Amino acid sequence: MKRHVSTDQNHPEKVESFSSLFIGGAWVPPVDGGTIDSIDPATGRVWARVAFGGKQDIDRAVSAARTAFDGPWSRMPPYERAALMRRFAELYAENVEELAHLETRDSGRALRETRADIGMHPKYYHWFASLADKHDGRSIPMDDSVHVFTSRLPVGVVGMICPWNVPLMSACWKLGPALAAGCTVVLKPAEQTPVTALLLGRLFEQAGFPPGVVNIVPGYGRGGAGEALAEHEGVDKIAFTGEGETARAILRAGAQSLKKYTFELGGKSPHIIFADADVDQAMNAATNSAWTLCGQSCALGSRVMVQRPIYDRVVEAFAARASKVRVGLPLDPSTHMGPQSSLEQMEKTLRYVGIGCDEGAELVAGGRRLEAPDLAEGYFVEPTVFAGASNDMRIAREEIFGPVAAIIPFDDDEEAVAMANDTAYGLTAGLWTRDVGRAHRVSAQIRAGIVWVNTYRYIRWTTPYGGFKASGWGRENGVEAVDAYLDTRTTVISTTGTFPDAYAD
């Protein structure tokens, strides 16, 4: 991988350069792309220049992936694929610190968070490696004249389109099951955060993966590498994480070739705190789930629904805790929360703060861009809390993707469930109660792909993750993730070798 450092003409900071794409096991320059500037959201300045591919580069990558799929990879014994994946996981673990620093520079996420998150990824890859030889078929009883059985086969070439908020985590959740299933991959990272995906190419190269099994082509979405990947007739499946409107565009682009899809889309998750809950523990989770990742996660519990007897107490505690969050430069290990990932995202968050005020919600904490001298050029927004919100307000219905919590009162279980389900989304939900009967009763009624009780954002390699309704199709993680990259073939073998002549009489 070609990587060097230069100096930006307008600022004294060093600018890293990543000048090649990873296609067919080689580092190659773009054919019809070029380079783009990657902006450090903590400073608003260029920190890296990255090779970007276009349609011809996607053609090359898909061709390399197809050659690898038809060649050594799909014929490789599953235990050998697993061994390569384990070697990759070991290399990944050795490079966690570098990956965490680069993802922090690229996305603005606080270093303490990227270290913790990326440090878990090797466990995911080891888990998926353990499933590489577990997707066997089954025998289907019929009668003595036939033997019927099924086989599980990889779907083929997979196009992966990853988001900007958690670039490496999203790649991990897709690469792991796809490789375990025996698929080959063309990975397109988000144009805002392309750097760390290219470093994965270096690790796959070092691990000894056959050329073309994994190909990495950063590029733009609409009109660029993303659109070319979505519509490419040589791609058998698209795995996408992002916004719903983009998913619809991907569906339209791939309709001609009838691809398979996995979509992990948005959320506006309810976080329900009942009056009998351990409020201190609930507050630990509710504030973290409002502001972790700078509020830029589809799984955050930004609709905080609180039973009226403890509502004022929770509002006061939320506001007090907001003032204790250390917002600062993301590479500082003491920083709790970094900037929004882009100028566009910061402006969107501040626009929703204005919408909340206009709707009549009470702004009790935050809501401003930070203007301290060392932060003024970055995209920093204070942790923000609205009280007196209602479930019909836009700040409670639309995905802001910023550090904004709307606290909504409710009276009883029935109202809490109705409000929780009154949303276009259905990704995650959480609830806090000491009543075990209520825990089972309420969680069973919530229409969400994962419901946490007396905890929040507990996500692991073994736990299926995905949504209902507008939150997506399919599941990532767990054994269900590998299923999404497999097709089922049914084989029927006659045991008699006879077939009646239907036209004999």
Protein backbone atom coordinates (compact mmCIF):
# COMPACT_ATOMS: atom_id res chain seq x y z
CA MET A 1 0.00 0.00 0.00
CA LYS A 2 1.49 3.33 -1.05
CA ARG A 3 1.35 5.74 1.86
CA HIS A 4 3.35 8.89 2.37
CA VAL A 5 3.15 12.18 4.25
CA SER A 6 3.27 15.70 2.80
CA THR A 7 2.41 19.19 4.01
CA ASP A 8 -0.83 21.00 3.21
CA GLN A 9 -0.13 24.35 1.51
CA ASN A 10 -2.60 26.27 3.70
CA HIS A 11 -1.72 24.73 7.07
CA PRO A 12 1.47 23.38 8.65
CA GLU A 13 -0.09 20.02 9.54
CA LYS A 14 1.21 16.93 7.79
CA VAL A 15 -1.13 15.33 5.26
CA GLU A 16 -1.09 11.57 4.79
CA SER A 17 -1.52 10.17 1.30
CA PHE A 18 -3.07 6.82 0.35
CA SER A 19 -2.64 6.69 -3.41
CA SER A 20 -3.72 3.16 -4.37
CA LEU A 21 -6.77 0.90 -4.47
CA PHE A 22 -6.62 -2.75 -3.39
CA ILE A 23 -7.81 -4.87 -6.34
CA GLY A 24 -6.95 -8.45 -7.19
CA GLY A 25 -4.41 -8.69 -4.39
CA ALA A 26 -2.39 -5.72 -5.70
CA TRP A 27 -2.13 -2.03 -4.92
CA VAL A 28 -3.10 -0.20 -8.09
CA PRO A 29 -3.80 3.44 -9.04
CA PRO A 30 -7.36 4.40 -9.99
CA VAL A 31 -8.24 4.13 -13.68
CA ASP A 32 -11.10 6.62 -13.78
CA GLY A 33 -11.00 8.04 -10.29
CA GLY A 34 -8.45 10.26 -8.62
CA THR A 35 -7.76 11.47 -5.10
CA ILE A 36 -9.93 13.36 -2.65
CA ASP A 37 -9.21 15.25 0.54
CA SER A 38 -10.33 13.69 3.80
CA ILE A 39 -11.25 16.31 6.40
CA ASP A 40 -10.36 16.00 10.07
CA PRO A 41 -13.64 16.97 11.77
CA ALA A 42 -11.77 18.14 14.86
CA THR A 43 -10.01 20.88 12.87
CA GLY A 44 -11.98 21.27 9.65
CA ARG A 45 -8.70 20.79 7.76
CA VAL A 46 -7.33 18.23 5.32
CA TRP A 47 -5.49 15.43 7.08
CA ALA A 48 -5.33 12.80 4.31
CA ARG A 49 -5.61 12.39 0.55
CA VAL A 50 -7.10 9.13 -0.60
CA ALA A 51 -7.35 7.31 -3.92
CA PHE A 52 -10.93 7.16 -5.18
CA GLY A 53 -12.23 4.71 -7.75
CA GLY A 54 -14.95 5.01 -10.36
CA LYS A 55 -16.96 2.69 -12.59
CA GLN A 56 -13.96 1.15 -14.36
CA ASP A 57 -12.28 0.47 -11.03
CA ILE A 58 -15.42 -1.27 -9.78
CA ASP A 59 -15.44 -3.33 -13.00
CA ARG A 60 -11.86 -4.39 -12.27
CA ALA A 61 -12.66 -5.22 -8.66
CA VAL A 62 -15.79 -7.23 -9.49
CA SER A 63 -13.87 -9.14 -12.16
CA ALA A 64 -11.11 -9.95 -9.65
CA ALA A 65 -13.68 -11.05 -7.08
CA ARG A 66 -15.42 -13.29 -9.63
CA THR A 67 -12.14 -14.88 -10.69
CA ALA A 68 -11.28 -15.59 -7.05
CA PHE A 69 -14.74 -16.98 -6.37
CA ASP A 70 -14.70 -19.28 -9.39
CA GLY A 71 -11.12 -20.24 -8.59
CA PRO A 72 -9.38 -21.15 -5.33
CA TRP A 73 -11.61 -19.49 -2.74
CA SER A 74 -14.92 -21.29 -3.21
CA ARG A 75 -13.08 -24.62 -3.62
CA MET A 76 -10.93 -24.09 -0.52
CA PRO A 77 -11.85 -26.41 2.36
CA PRO A 78 -13.75 -24.42 5.00
CA TYR A 79 -11.15 -25.15 7.68
CA GLU A 80 -8.49 -23.51 5.48
CA ARG A 81 -10.67 -20.42 5.04
CA ALA A 82 -11.11 -20.38 8.80
CA ALA A 83 -7.34 -20.54 9.33
CA LEU A 84 -6.82 -17.51 7.06
CA MET A 85 -9.52 -15.62 8.93
CA ARG A 86 -7.90 -16.41 12.26
CA ARG A 87 -4.54 -15.19 10.96
CA PHE A 88 -6.22 -12.00 9.80
CA ALA A 89 -7.81 -11.59 13.27
CA GLU A 90 -4.40 -11.96 14.90
CA LEU A 91 -2.89 -9.31 12.63
CA TYR A 92 -5.88 -7.07 13.29
CA ALA A 93 -5.30 -7.38 17.05
CA GLU A 94 -1.65 -6.38 16.57
CA ASN A 95 -2.71 -3.23 14.71
CA VAL A 96 -5.59 -2.05 16.92
CA GLU A 97 -3.78 1.06 18.11
CA GLU A 98 -2.95 2.27 14.59
CA LEU A 99 -6.46 1.50 13.35
CA ALA A 100 -8.01 3.34 16.32
CA HIS A 101 -5.90 6.46 15.77
CA LEU A 102 -6.67 6.57 12.06
CA GLU A 103 -10.40 6.04 12.56
CA THR A 104 -10.40 8.82 15.16
CA ARG A 105 -8.70 11.18 12.71
CA ASP A 106 -11.08 10.21 9.92
CA SER A 107 -14.40 10.18 11.82
CA GLY A 108 -13.84 12.38 14.87
CA ARG A 109 -14.93 9.66 17.28
CA ALA A 110 -13.14 9.92 20.64
CA LEU A 111 -10.03 7.77 20.87
CA ARG A 112 -11.25 6.09 24.06
CA GLU A 113 -14.26 4.84 22.07
CA THR A 114 -12.40 3.73 18.95
CA ARG A 115 -9.87 1.84 21.06
CA ALA A 116 -12.62 -0.01 22.91
CA ASP A 117 -14.64 -0.71 19.78
CA ILE A 118 -11.84 -1.76 17.45
CA GLY A 119 -10.22 -3.77 20.23
CA MET A 120 -13.29 -6.05 20.13
CA HIS A 121 -13.19 -6.69 16.38
CA PRO A 122 -10.69 -9.58 16.44
CA LYS A 123 -13.19 -11.50 18.57
CA TYR A 124 -15.81 -11.03 15.86
CA TYR A 125 -13.47 -12.34 13.17
CA HIS A 126 -12.53 -15.34 15.33
CA TRP A 127 -16.24 -16.05 15.92
CA PHE A 128 -17.05 -15.97 12.23
CA ALA A 129 -14.01 -18.13 11.46
CA SER A 130 -15.49 -20.71 13.84
CA LEU A 131 -18.62 -20.82 11.65
CA ALA A 132 -16.82 -21.40 8.35
CA ASP A 133 -17.38 -25.17 8.49
CA LYS A 134 -20.73 -25.15 10.30
CA HIS A 135 -23.16 -24.29 7.48
CA ASP A 136 -24.05 -27.83 6.52
CA GLY A 137 -27.31 -28.95 4.95
CA ARG A 138 -29.86 -31.50 6.07
CA SER A 139 -31.41 -34.73 4.92
CA ILE A 140 -35.14 -34.57 4.12
CA PRO A 141 -37.13 -37.80 4.70
CA MET A 142 -39.37 -38.75 1.74
CA ASP A 143 -39.90 -42.33 0.59
CA ASP A 144 -37.70 -45.22 -0.51
CA SER A 145 -37.58 -44.05 -4.13
CA VAL A 146 -35.52 -40.90 -3.55
CA HIS A 147 -32.86 -39.48 -1.28
CA VAL A 148 -33.30 -35.73 -0.71
CA PHE A 149 -30.75 -33.44 0.90
CA THR A 150 -29.82 -29.76 0.97
CA SER A 151 -26.48 -28.00 0.65
CA ARG A 152 -25.53 -24.46 1.67
CA LEU A 153 -23.57 -22.56 -0.95
CA PRO A 154 -21.99 -19.07 -0.92
CA VAL A 155 -24.06 -16.50 -2.82
CA GLY A 156 -21.01 -15.35 -4.81
CA VAL A 157 -19.59 -11.85 -5.19
CA VAL A 158 -20.77 -9.42 -2.51
CA GLY A 159 -20.68 -5.64 -2.76
CA MET A 160 -20.32 -4.02 0.66
CA ILE A 161 -21.15 -0.37 1.21
CA CYS A 162 -20.18 0.87 4.67
CA PRO A 163 -21.15 4.03 6.61
CA TRP A 164 -19.03 6.87 7.95
CA ASN A 165 -19.95 6.63 11.64
CA VAL A 166 -18.40 3.22 12.43
CA PRO A 167 -16.33 2.33 9.36
CA LEU A 168 -14.34 -0.60 10.75
CA MET A 169 -17.17 -2.07 12.82
CA SER A 170 -19.51 -2.10 9.85
CA ALA A 171 -16.83 -3.68 7.66
CA CYS A 172 -16.19 -6.31 10.35
CA TRP A 173 -19.88 -7.23 10.58
CA LYS A 174 -19.99 -7.78 6.81
CA LEU A 175 -16.58 -9.22 5.99
CA GLY A 176 -16.67 -11.81 8.77
CA PRO A 177 -19.81 -13.71 7.73
CA ALA A 178 -19.22 -13.24 3.98
CA LEU A 179 -15.74 -14.77 4.14
CA ALA A 180 -16.92 -17.55 6.46
CA ALA A 181 -19.62 -18.41 3.92
CA GLY A 182 -17.06 -18.56 1.10
CA CYS A 183 -18.05 -15.37 -0.72
CA THR A 184 -15.68 -12.86 -2.28
CA VAL A 185 -15.96 -9.15 -1.65
CA VAL A 186 -15.76 -5.67 -3.11
CA LEU A 187 -15.78 -3.20 -0.22
CA LYS A 188 -16.63 0.47 -0.72
CA PRO A 189 -16.14 2.57 2.42
CA ALA A 190 -17.97 5.86 2.89
CA GLU A 191 -16.38 8.75 1.05
CA GLN A 192 -16.11 10.70 4.33
CA THR A 193 -14.10 7.96 6.11
CA PRO A 194 -12.14 5.92 3.55
CA VAL A 195 -8.75 5.51 5.20
CA THR A 196 -9.05 2.57 7.58
CA ALA A 197 -10.69 0.32 4.98
CA LEU A 198 -7.53 0.56 2.89
CA LEU A 199 -5.46 -0.58 5.86
CA LEU A 200 -7.61 -3.70 5.99
CA GLY A 201 -6.25 -4.51 2.53
CA ARG A 202 -2.75 -4.53 3.95
CA LEU A 203 -3.82 -6.99 6.67
CA PHE A 204 -5.59 -9.31 4.20
CA GLU A 205 -2.45 -9.24 2.08
CA GLN A 206 -0.25 -10.09 5.06
CA ALA A 207 -2.62 -12.87 6.17
CA GLY A 208 -2.17 -14.62 2.82
CA PHE A 209 -5.67 -14.40 1.36
CA PRO A 210 -5.79 -15.38 -2.33
CA PRO A 211 -5.80 -12.40 -4.71
CA GLY A 212 -9.25 -11.01 -5.39
CA VAL A 213 -11.02 -12.47 -2.35
CA VAL A 214 -11.20 -8.98 -0.82
CA ASN A 215 -11.05 -5.85 -2.97
CA ILE A 216 -11.26 -2.31 -1.55
CA VAL A 217 -12.37 0.65 -3.66
CA PRO A 218 -13.14 3.95 -1.90
CA GLY A 219 -15.32 6.29 -3.91
CA TYR A 220 -18.42 8.41 -4.02
CA GLY A 221 -21.87 6.91 -3.71
CA ARG A 222 -24.26 8.54 -6.15
CA GLY A 223 -22.71 8.68 -9.62
CA GLY A 224 -19.52 6.99 -8.42
CA ALA A 225 -18.17 3.68 -7.14
CA GLY A 226 -21.17 3.04 -4.89
CA GLU A 227 -23.73 3.36 -7.67
CA ALA A 228 -21.55 1.32 -10.03
CA LEU A 229 -21.31 -1.44 -7.42
CA ALA A 230 -25.05 -1.42 -6.72
CA GLU A 231 -26.02 -1.80 -10.39
CA HIS A 232 -23.21 -4.14 -11.47
CA GLU A 233 -24.61 -7.35 -12.95
CA GLY A 234 -21.56 -9.28 -11.74
CA VAL A 235 -22.45 -8.62 -8.09
CA ASP A 236 -24.74 -11.22 -6.50
CA LYS A 237 -25.52 -9.44 -3.24
CA ILE A 238 -25.29 -5.99 -1.68
CA ALA A 239 -24.71 -5.54 2.06
CA PHE A 240 -25.38 -1.92 2.98
CA THR A 241 -25.46 0.08 6.20
CA GLY A 242 -26.77 3.61 6.03
CA GLU A 243 -29.80 5.76 5.41
CA GLY A 244 -33.14 4.50 4.10
CA GLU A 245 -33.33 6.70 1.03
CA THR A 246 -29.92 5.42 -0.09
CA ALA A 247 -31.15 1.85 0.40
CA ARG A 248 -34.09 2.58 -1.91
CA ALA A 249 -31.71 3.95 -4.53
CA ILE A 250 -29.58 0.79 -4.22
CA LEU A 251 -32.68 -1.36 -4.73
CA ARG A 252 -33.58 0.54 -7.86
CA ALA A 253 -30.03 0.30 -9.20
CA GLY A 254 -29.87 -3.46 -8.65
CA ALA A 255 -33.40 -4.34 -9.74
CA GLN A 256 -32.33 -5.45 -13.23
CA SER A 257 -30.10 -8.22 -11.90
CA LEU A 258 -32.37 -9.21 -8.96
CA LYS A 259 -29.59 -9.14 -6.38
CA LYS A 260 -29.90 -10.26 -2.79
CA TYR A 261 -29.72 -7.58 -0.08
CA THR A 262 -28.92 -7.05 3.56
CA PHE A 263 -29.83 -3.57 4.81
CA GLU A 264 -29.00 -2.18 8.26
CA LEU A 265 -30.73 1.17 8.24
CA GLY A 266 -31.81 3.88 10.64
CA GLY A 267 -33.44 3.97 14.03
CA LYS A 268 -35.19 6.25 16.50
CA SER A 269 -35.00 3.97 19.45
CA PRO A 270 -37.16 4.20 22.57
CA HIS A 271 -35.36 4.03 25.91
CA ILE A 272 -38.08 3.46 28.53
CA ILE A 273 -37.49 4.15 32.22
CA PHE A 274 -40.25 2.96 34.54
CA ALA A 275 -40.76 4.50 37.98
CA ASP A 276 -39.63 1.30 39.74
CA ALA A 277 -36.29 1.22 37.91
CA ASP A 278 -32.86 1.65 39.45
CA VAL A 279 -32.72 5.24 38.26
CA ASP A 280 -28.98 5.74 38.75
CA GLN A 281 -28.19 2.72 36.59
CA ALA A 282 -30.80 3.74 34.03
CA MET A 283 -29.22 7.19 33.83
CA ASN A 284 -25.78 5.69 33.26
CA ALA A 285 -27.18 3.87 30.24
CA ALA A 286 -29.53 6.59 28.98
CA THR A 287 -26.91 9.34 28.93
CA ASN A 288 -24.33 7.06 27.34
CA SER A 289 -26.78 5.89 24.70
CA ALA A 290 -27.64 9.51 23.89
CA TRP A 291 -24.08 10.81 23.48
CA THR A 292 -21.75 7.93 22.63
CA LEU A 293 -20.35 8.11 19.10
CA CYS A 294 -21.10 11.84 19.28
CA GLY A 295 -24.73 10.80 19.00
CA GLN A 296 -24.05 9.36 15.54
CA SER A 297 -25.45 5.86 15.80
CA CYS A 298 -28.71 4.32 14.63
CA ALA A 299 -28.90 2.26 17.85
CA LEU A 300 -28.93 5.16 20.31
CA GLY A 301 -31.86 5.57 22.68
CA SER A 302 -32.54 9.18 21.80
CA ARG A 303 -36.28 8.92 22.61
CA VAL A 304 -36.01 8.76 26.39
CA MET A 305 -39.46 7.83 27.70
CA VAL A 306 -39.85 8.35 31.46
CA GLN A 307 -42.77 7.45 33.73
CA ARG A 308 -44.23 10.59 35.29
CA PRO A 309 -43.45 9.93 39.00
CA ILE A 310 -39.70 10.16 38.24
CA TYR A 311 -39.83 12.44 35.19
CA ASP A 312 -38.55 15.64 36.85
CA ARG A 313 -35.78 13.71 38.60
CA VAL A 314 -34.59 12.22 35.31
CA VAL A 315 -34.70 15.57 33.49
CA GLU A 316 -32.63 17.21 36.22
CA ALA A 317 -30.12 14.36 36.20
CA PHE A 318 -29.82 14.44 32.41
CA ALA A 319 -29.07 18.15 32.40
CA ALA A 320 -26.53 17.78 35.22
CA ARG A 321 -24.74 14.93 33.48
CA ALA A 322 -24.60 16.84 30.20
CA SER A 323 -22.43 19.46 31.86
CA LYS A 324 -19.94 16.76 32.93
CA VAL A 325 -19.30 15.37 29.47
CA ARG A 326 -15.81 16.34 28.34
CA VAL A 327 -16.16 17.45 24.73
CA GLY A 328 -12.78 17.98 23.14
CA LEU A 329 -10.10 16.94 20.70
CA PRO A 330 -10.78 13.29 19.93
CA LEU A 331 -7.14 12.11 20.09
CA ASP A 332 -6.95 13.26 23.73
CA PRO A 333 -7.57 10.06 25.76
CA SER A 334 -9.45 12.09 28.39
CA THR A 335 -12.06 13.31 25.88
CA HIS A 336 -15.52 11.79 26.29
CA MET A 337 -17.06 13.11 23.08
CA GLY A 338 -15.46 14.43 19.91
CA PRO A 339 -16.92 16.43 17.02
CA GLN A 340 -19.64 15.60 14.55
CA SER A 341 -18.13 13.76 11.61
CA SER A 342 -18.63 16.53 9.07
CA LEU A 343 -19.70 20.13 8.67
CA GLU A 344 -22.90 18.90 7.05
CA GLN A 345 -23.73 16.70 10.03
CA MET A 346 -23.01 19.47 12.53
CA GLU A 347 -25.28 21.84 10.65
CA LYS A 348 -28.01 19.20 10.55
CA THR A 349 -27.79 18.66 14.32
CA LEU A 350 -27.97 22.39 15.05
CA ARG A 351 -30.89 22.71 12.66
CA TYR A 352 -32.79 20.07 14.65
CA VAL A 353 -32.03 21.93 17.88
CA GLY A 354 -33.83 24.89 16.34
CA ILE A 355 -36.70 22.64 15.25
CA GLY A 356 -37.08 21.29 18.78
CA CYS A 357 -37.26 24.79 20.22
CA ASP A 358 -39.79 25.83 17.58
CA GLU A 359 -41.93 22.79 18.36
CA GLY A 360 -42.19 23.86 22.00
CA ALA A 361 -39.79 21.46 23.68
CA GLU A 362 -37.71 22.93 26.52
CA LEU A 363 -33.98 23.05 25.87
CA VAL A 364 -32.51 22.24 29.29
CA ALA A 365 -28.88 21.56 28.28
CA GLY A 366 -26.53 22.14 25.37
CA GLY A 367 -27.70 22.94 21.88
CA ARG A 368 -24.75 25.08 20.78
CA ARG A 369 -21.62 24.76 18.70
CA LEU A 370 -18.52 24.92 20.88
CA GLU A 371 -16.33 27.94 20.23
CA ALA A 372 -13.35 27.46 22.54
CA PRO A 373 -10.11 28.47 20.76
CA ASP A 374 -8.86 24.90 20.29
CA LEU A 375 -12.27 23.68 19.07
CA ALA A 376 -13.66 26.58 17.07
CA GLU A 377 -12.59 25.29 13.65
CA GLY A 378 -13.93 21.78 14.31
CA TYR A 379 -17.50 20.49 14.23
CA PHE A 380 -18.21 20.29 17.96
CA VAL A 381 -21.73 20.37 19.43
CA GLU A 382 -22.63 20.29 23.12
CA PRO A 383 -24.52 17.30 24.54
CA THR A 384 -28.12 18.43 24.20
CA VAL A 385 -31.24 17.65 26.23
CA PHE A 386 -34.86 18.54 25.51
CA ALA A 387 -37.54 18.18 28.20
CA GLY A 388 -41.29 18.45 27.72
CA ALA A 389 -41.06 16.64 24.40
CA SER A 390 -43.89 14.62 22.90
CA ASN A 391 -43.79 11.63 20.60
CA ASP A 392 -45.27 13.57 17.69
CA MET A 393 -42.47 16.14 17.56
CA ARG A 394 -39.90 15.90 14.76
CA ILE A 395 -37.06 15.64 17.29
CA ALA A 396 -38.77 12.46 18.56
CA ARG A 397 -39.64 10.99 15.15
CA GLU A 398 -36.76 11.81 12.82
CA GLU A 399 -33.22 10.49 13.03
CA ILE A 400 -31.00 13.44 13.96
CA PHE A 401 -27.70 11.55 14.20
CA GLY A 402 -26.35 14.02 16.71
CA PRO A 403 -25.99 14.20 20.53
CA VAL A 404 -29.62 15.19 21.13
CA ALA A 405 -31.93 13.46 23.63
CA ALA A 406 -35.67 14.16 23.80
CA ILE A 407 -37.26 13.24 27.16
CA ILE A 408 -40.93 12.25 26.87
CA PRO A 409 -43.28 11.55 29.80
CA PHE A 410 -45.70 8.61 29.94
CA ASP A 411 -48.19 7.24 32.46
CA ASP A 412 -48.47 3.44 32.20
CA ASP A 413 -47.25 0.34 30.41
CA GLU A 414 -49.85 0.56 27.67
CA GLU A 415 -48.90 4.14 26.79
CA ALA A 416 -45.19 3.32 26.85
CA VAL A 417 -45.62 0.43 24.43
CA ALA A 418 -47.86 2.47 22.12
CA MET A 419 -45.34 5.33 21.97
CA ALA A 420 -42.39 2.97 21.56
CA ASN A 421 -44.01 1.37 18.51
CA ASP A 422 -45.33 4.63 17.06
CA THR A 423 -42.37 5.10 14.73
CA ALA A 424 -41.33 4.18 11.21
CA TYR A 425 -38.30 2.44 12.66
CA GLY A 426 -37.76 -0.75 14.62
CA LEU A 427 -34.05 -1.30 15.16
CA THR A 428 -33.42 -1.30 18.93
CA ALA A 429 -35.19 -0.49 22.18
CA GLY A 430 -34.44 -0.51 25.90
CA LEU A 431 -36.39 -0.56 29.12
CA TRP A 432 -35.61 -0.33 32.82
CA THR A 433 -37.72 -1.93 35.55
CA ARG A 434 -37.32 -4.07 38.66
CA ASP A 435 -40.56 -5.91 37.86
CA VAL A 436 -39.61 -9.13 36.05
CA GLY A 437 -43.16 -9.63 34.84
CA ARG A 438 -43.22 -6.15 33.32
CA ALA A 439 -39.80 -6.78 31.74
CA HIS A 440 -41.12 -9.82 29.88
CA ARG A 441 -44.54 -8.35 29.12
CA VAL A 442 -43.33 -5.02 27.73
CA SER A 443 -40.29 -6.32 25.83
CA ALA A 444 -42.51 -8.89 24.07
CA GLN A 445 -44.74 -6.11 22.72
CA ILE A 446 -42.02 -3.83 21.32
CA ARG A 447 -41.49 -4.07 17.57
CA ALA A 448 -37.71 -3.89 17.41
CA GLY A 449 -34.95 -6.21 16.27
CA ILE A 450 -33.23 -6.16 19.65
CA VAL A 451 -34.64 -5.14 23.05
CA TRP A 452 -32.38 -4.53 26.03
CA VAL A 453 -33.75 -4.87 29.56
CA ASN A 454 -31.83 -3.19 32.40
CA THR A 455 -28.89 -2.63 30.05
CA TYR A 456 -28.34 -0.89 26.71
CA ARG A 457 -26.20 -1.30 23.58
CA TYR A 458 -25.02 -4.76 24.61
CA ILE A 459 -23.92 -5.94 21.16
CA ARG A 460 -21.70 -8.96 20.59
CA TRP A 461 -20.64 -11.27 17.78
CA THR A 462 -23.14 -13.96 18.89
CA THR A 463 -26.20 -11.69 19.14
CA PRO A 464 -28.20 -11.10 15.92
CA TYR A 465 -28.54 -7.41 15.11
CA GLY A 466 -30.96 -5.82 12.66
CA GLY A 467 -34.31 -4.14 12.45
CA PHE A 468 -38.01 -4.30 11.73
CA LYS A 469 -39.91 -1.93 9.45
CA ALA A 470 -37.80 0.90 7.98
CA SER A 471 -34.76 -0.22 9.98
CA GLY A 472 -33.70 -2.80 7.46
CA TRP A 473 -33.69 -6.32 6.06
CA GLY A 474 -31.80 -9.26 7.48
CA ARG A 475 -29.48 -9.64 10.44
CA GLU A 476 -25.81 -9.07 11.16
CA ASN A 477 -23.87 -11.02 13.82
CA GLY A 478 -24.84 -14.40 15.20
CA VAL A 479 -25.24 -17.47 13.03
CA GLU A 480 -28.00 -15.59 11.19
CA ALA A 481 -25.35 -13.32 9.67
CA VAL A 482 -23.69 -16.21 7.84
CA ASP A 483 -27.09 -17.44 6.63
CA ALA A 484 -27.48 -14.12 4.80
CA TYR A 485 -24.48 -14.99 2.59
CA LEU A 486 -25.60 -18.53 1.73
CA ASP A 487 -28.00 -20.04 -0.79
CA THR A 488 -29.76 -23.38 -0.30
CA ARG A 489 -29.58 -26.06 -2.98
CA THR A 490 -31.89 -29.07 -2.84
CA THR A 491 -30.66 -32.31 -4.40
CA VAL A 492 -33.04 -35.19 -5.20
CA ILE A 493 -31.44 -38.55 -6.14
CA SER A 494 -33.51 -41.47 -7.31
CA THR A 495 -32.66 -44.71 -5.54
CA THR A 496 -34.34 -46.83 -8.23
CA GLY A 497 -33.13 -45.21 -11.43
CA THR A 498 -36.63 -45.54 -12.96
CA PHE A 499 -38.99 -42.87 -14.26
CA PRO A 500 -42.47 -43.75 -15.59
CA ASP A 501 -43.37 -43.07 -19.21
CA ALA A 502 -46.27 -40.66 -18.88
CA TYR A 503 -47.24 -41.19 -22.51
CA ALA A 504 -47.17 -44.97 -22.67
CA ASP A 505 -50.95 -45.37 -22.98
